[in-house]
Amino acid sequence: MSRSRIRQIAQHVEDLDRAVGFYVDVLQLELIAQFDPPGLAFLDTGSGRLLLEKGAPSALFYLDVEDVAAETERLRKAGVTIEAEPHAVFPDPQGLFGEPGQVEMLAFFRDSEGNLLGLSGRADASGEAP
């Protein structure tokens, strides 16, 4: 098999229209198509598709953002529930995941359906986005 890439991630929703509104308006993903019935929506993540579907299990995935702290504040101002504030999880002096000397930053929030999602990004050692 050649090198695989993630093509699509499925995410559980209770209310498709509410979830589409959240992912388009708040997370700023592009809606590709919505089919109701049967109750499916496809969004462009930039590196694959996100399928919103009532029958799907809840998935924890991380959105790559330039500035985890700034994006967390933007989501908070939009009324999104923040579960974990931005924090460094991995000092990366060798540059295994990006620029050497930076740290890997994470924060967690809930979508409109109660699913836990993460924000992931890089920062300098002080926690500031590059």
C-alpha atoms as a PDB file:
ATOM      1  CA  MET A   1       0.000   0.000   0.000  1.00  0.00           C
ATOM      2  CA  SER A   2       1.229   3.476  -0.773  1.00  0.00           C
ATOM      3  CA  ARG A   3       1.403   6.087   1.976  1.00  0.00           C
ATOM      4  CA  SER A   4      -2.099   6.717   3.303  1.00  0.00           C
ATOM      5  CA  ARG A   5      -3.654  10.035   4.263  1.00  0.00           C
ATOM      6  CA  ILE A   6      -6.849  10.626   6.179  1.00  0.00           C
ATOM      7  CA  ARG A   7      -9.548  11.311   3.627  1.00  0.00           C
ATOM      8  CA  GLN A   8     -12.555  11.698   5.903  1.00  0.00           C
ATOM      9  CA  ILE A   9     -13.462  11.862   9.584  1.00  0.00           C
ATOM     10  CA  ALA A  10     -17.039  11.252  10.747  1.00  0.00           C
ATOM     11  CA  GLN A  11     -18.500  13.204  13.676  1.00  0.00           C
ATOM     12  CA  HIS A  12     -21.692  12.514  15.600  1.00  0.00           C
ATOM     13  CA  VAL A  13     -24.464  15.112  15.537  1.00  0.00           C
ATOM     14  CA  GLU A  14     -27.915  15.256  17.074  1.00  0.00           C
ATOM     15  CA  ASP A  15     -29.173  18.233  15.065  1.00  0.00           C
ATOM     16  CA  LEU A  16     -27.639  18.397  11.581  1.00  0.00           C
ATOM     17  CA  ASP A  17     -28.620  21.993  10.820  1.00  0.00           C
ATOM     18  CA  ARG A  18     -27.324  23.247  14.179  1.00  0.00           C
ATOM     19  CA  ALA A  19     -24.063  21.336  13.699  1.00  0.00           C
ATOM     20  CA  VAL A  20     -23.585  22.605  10.136  1.00  0.00           C
ATOM     21  CA  GLY A  21     -24.126  26.149  11.415  1.00  0.00           C
ATOM     22  CA  PHE A  22     -21.497  25.650  14.125  1.00  0.00           C
ATOM     23  CA  TYR A  23     -18.867  24.123  11.843  1.00  0.00           C
ATOM     24  CA  VAL A  24     -19.438  26.709   9.076  1.00  0.00           C
ATOM     25  CA  ASP A  25     -20.106  29.874  11.083  1.00  0.00           C
ATOM     26  CA  VAL A  26     -17.940  29.311  14.163  1.00  0.00           C
ATOM     27  CA  LEU A  27     -15.148  27.004  12.971  1.00  0.00           C
ATOM     28  CA  GLN A  28     -15.171  28.531   9.477  1.00  0.00           C
ATOM     29  CA  LEU A  29     -15.078  25.243   7.555  1.00  0.00           C
ATOM     30  CA  GLU A  30     -16.500  25.217   4.042  1.00  0.00           C
ATOM     31  CA  LEU A  31     -19.698  23.236   3.439  1.00  0.00           C
ATOM     32  CA  ILE A  32     -19.241  20.922   0.447  1.00  0.00           C
ATOM     33  CA  ALA A  33     -22.718  19.358   0.419  1.00  0.00           C
ATOM     34  CA  GLN A  34     -25.645  18.542   2.679  1.00  0.00           C
ATOM     35  CA  PHE A  35     -28.097  15.715   2.032  1.00  0.00           C
ATOM     36  CA  ASP A  36     -31.228  15.611   4.183  1.00  0.00           C
ATOM     37  CA  PRO A  37     -32.544  12.936   3.978  1.00  0.00           C
ATOM     38  CA  PRO A  38     -30.590  10.899   4.895  1.00  0.00           C
ATOM     39  CA  GLY A  39     -28.997  13.499   7.209  1.00  0.00           C
ATOM     40  CA  LEU A  40     -25.393  13.928   6.082  1.00  0.00           C
ATOM     41  CA  ALA A  41     -23.198  16.984   5.664  1.00  0.00           C
ATOM     42  CA  PHE A  42     -19.674  17.130   4.261  1.00  0.00           C
ATOM     43  CA  LEU A  43     -17.255  19.930   5.109  1.00  0.00           C
ATOM     44  CA  ASP A  44     -13.816  20.747   3.725  1.00  0.00           C
ATOM     45  CA  THR A  45     -11.126  20.735   6.437  1.00  0.00           C
ATOM     46  CA  GLY A  46      -8.344  21.742   4.065  1.00  0.00           C
ATOM     47  CA  SER A  47      -6.710  18.324   4.344  1.00  0.00           C
ATOM     48  CA  GLY A  48      -9.738  16.048   4.022  1.00  0.00           C
ATOM     49  CA  ARG A  49     -13.466  15.945   4.659  1.00  0.00           C
ATOM     50  CA  LEU A  50     -15.506  16.064   7.823  1.00  0.00           C
ATOM     51  CA  LEU A  51     -18.743  14.065   7.666  1.00  0.00           C
ATOM     52  CA  LEU A  52     -21.446  15.144  10.111  1.00  0.00           C
ATOM     53  CA  GLU A  53     -23.936  12.350  10.719  1.00  0.00           C
ATOM     54  CA  LYS A  54     -26.312  11.288  13.497  1.00  0.00           C
ATOM     55  CA  GLY A  55     -25.246   7.643  13.191  1.00  0.00           C
ATOM     56  CA  ALA A  56     -21.530   8.391  13.533  1.00  0.00           C
ATOM     57  CA  PRO A  57     -19.690   7.999  16.836  1.00  0.00           C
ATOM     58  CA  SER A  58     -18.194  11.027  18.551  1.00  0.00           C
ATOM     59  CA  ALA A  59     -14.646  11.690  17.312  1.00  0.00           C
ATOM     60  CA  LEU A  60     -11.917  13.655  19.044  1.00  0.00           C
ATOM     61  CA  PHE A  61      -9.901  15.491  16.419  1.00  0.00           C
ATOM     62  CA  TYR A  62      -7.616  18.499  16.565  1.00  0.00           C
ATOM     63  CA  LEU A  63      -7.786  21.568  14.357  1.00  0.00           C
ATOM     64  CA  ASP A  64      -4.418  22.996  13.333  1.00  0.00           C
ATOM     65  CA  VAL A  65      -4.372  26.735  14.086  1.00  0.00           C
ATOM     66  CA  GLU A  66      -1.643  29.372  13.967  1.00  0.00           C
ATOM     67  CA  ASP A  67      -2.278  30.732  17.462  1.00  0.00           C
ATOM     68  CA  VAL A  68      -3.998  28.424  19.960  1.00  0.00           C
ATOM     69  CA  ALA A  69      -4.502  31.203  22.535  1.00  0.00           C
ATOM     70  CA  ALA A  70      -6.007  33.644  20.028  1.00  0.00           C
ATOM     71  CA  GLU A  71      -8.293  30.991  18.536  1.00  0.00           C
ATOM     72  CA  THR A  72      -9.423  29.933  22.017  1.00  0.00           C
ATOM     73  CA  GLU A  73     -10.391  33.535  22.771  1.00  0.00           C
ATOM     74  CA  ARG A  74     -12.228  33.869  19.455  1.00  0.00           C
ATOM     75  CA  LEU A  75     -14.230  30.715  20.233  1.00  0.00           C
ATOM     76  CA  ARG A  76     -14.945  31.896  23.791  1.00  0.00           C
ATOM     77  CA  LYS A  77     -16.297  35.220  22.453  1.00  0.00           C
ATOM     78  CA  ALA A  78     -18.537  33.217  20.081  1.00  0.00           C
ATOM     79  CA  GLY A  79     -20.070  31.481  23.111  1.00  0.00           C
ATOM     80  CA  VAL A  80     -18.209  28.180  22.734  1.00  0.00           C
ATOM     81  CA  THR A  81     -17.566  26.157  25.897  1.00  0.00           C
ATOM     82  CA  ILE A  82     -13.821  25.939  26.546  1.00  0.00           C
ATOM     83  CA  GLU A  83     -12.891  22.708  28.362  1.00  0.00           C
ATOM     84  CA  ALA A  84      -9.128  23.257  28.710  1.00  0.00           C
ATOM     85  CA  GLU A  85      -7.229  26.505  28.304  1.00  0.00           C
ATOM     86  CA  PRO A  86      -4.215  26.723  25.981  1.00  0.00           C
ATOM     87  CA  HIS A  87      -1.255  24.883  27.425  1.00  0.00           C
ATOM     88  CA  ALA A  88       2.108  23.541  26.307  1.00  0.00           C
ATOM     89  CA  VAL A  89       2.180  19.756  26.058  1.00  0.00           C
ATOM     90  CA  PHE A  90       5.508  19.020  24.442  1.00  0.00           C
ATOM     91  CA  PRO A  91       8.753  21.000  24.295  1.00  0.00           C
ATOM     92  CA  ASP A  92      10.291  20.217  20.937  1.00  0.00           C
ATOM     93  CA  PRO A  93      13.974  21.246  20.999  1.00  0.00           C
ATOM     94  CA  GLN A  94      14.824  18.816  18.163  1.00  0.00           C
ATOM     95  CA  GLY A  95      12.000  19.962  15.877  1.00  0.00           C
ATOM     96  CA  LEU A  96      10.235  16.600  15.598  1.00  0.00           C
ATOM     97  CA  PHE A  97       6.886  18.285  14.862  1.00  0.00           C
ATOM     98  CA  GLY A  98       7.967  21.637  13.426  1.00  0.00           C
ATOM     99  CA  GLU A  99      10.478  24.399  14.040  1.00  0.00           C
ATOM    100  CA  PRO A 100      13.174  23.327  16.554  1.00  0.00           C
ATOM    101  CA  GLY A 101      12.864  25.012  19.937  1.00  0.00           C
ATOM    102  CA  GLN A 102       9.119  25.572  19.753  1.00  0.00           C
ATOM    103  CA  VAL A 103       6.488  23.898  21.926  1.00  0.00           C
ATOM    104  CA  GLU A 104       3.338  22.043  20.937  1.00  0.00           C
ATOM    105  CA  MET A 105       0.233  23.849  22.289  1.00  0.00           C
ATOM    106  CA  LEU A 106      -3.251  22.412  22.863  1.00  0.00           C
ATOM    107  CA  ALA A 107      -6.664  23.640  24.026  1.00  0.00           C
ATOM    108  CA  PHE A 108     -10.010  21.839  24.112  1.00  0.00           C
ATOM    109  CA  PHE A 109     -13.609  22.941  23.491  1.00  0.00           C
ATOM    110  CA  ARG A 110     -17.113  21.544  22.854  1.00  0.00           C
ATOM    111  CA  ASP A 111     -18.962  21.796  19.567  1.00  0.00           C
ATOM    112  CA  SER A 112     -22.713  22.479  19.298  1.00  0.00           C
ATOM    113  CA  GLU A 113     -23.412  18.763  19.786  1.00  0.00           C
ATOM    114  CA  GLY A 114     -21.296  18.308  22.919  1.00  0.00           C
ATOM    115  CA  ASN A 115     -18.369  16.618  21.140  1.00  0.00           C
ATOM    116  CA  LEU A 116     -14.919  17.369  22.532  1.00  0.00           C
ATOM    117  CA  LEU A 117     -12.541  18.924  19.955  1.00  0.00           C
ATOM    118  CA  GLY A 118      -8.966  20.140  20.210  1.00  0.00           C
ATOM    119  CA  LEU A 119      -6.947  23.058  18.920  1.00  0.00           C
ATOM    120  CA  SER A 120      -3.310  22.353  18.142  1.00  0.00           C
ATOM    121  CA  GLY A 121      -0.506  24.683  17.163  1.00  0.00           C
ATOM    122  CA  ARG A 122       3.092  25.709  17.725  1.00  0.00           C
ATOM    123  CA  ALA A 123       4.501  28.476  19.887  1.00  0.00           C
ATOM    124  CA  ASP A 124       7.874  29.708  21.043  1.00  0.00           C
ATOM    125  CA  ALA A 125       9.068  28.617  24.480  1.00  0.00           C
ATOM    126  CA  SER A 126       7.117  31.473  26.132  1.00  0.00           C
ATOM    127  CA  GLY A 127       3.844  30.203  24.671  1.00  0.00           C
ATOM    128  CA  GLU A 128       3.586  32.946  22.028  1.00  0.00           C
ATOM    129  CA  ALA A 129       2.583  31.957  18.487  1.00  0.00           C
ATOM    130  CA  PRO A 130       5.416  32.244  15.965  1.00  0.00           C
END
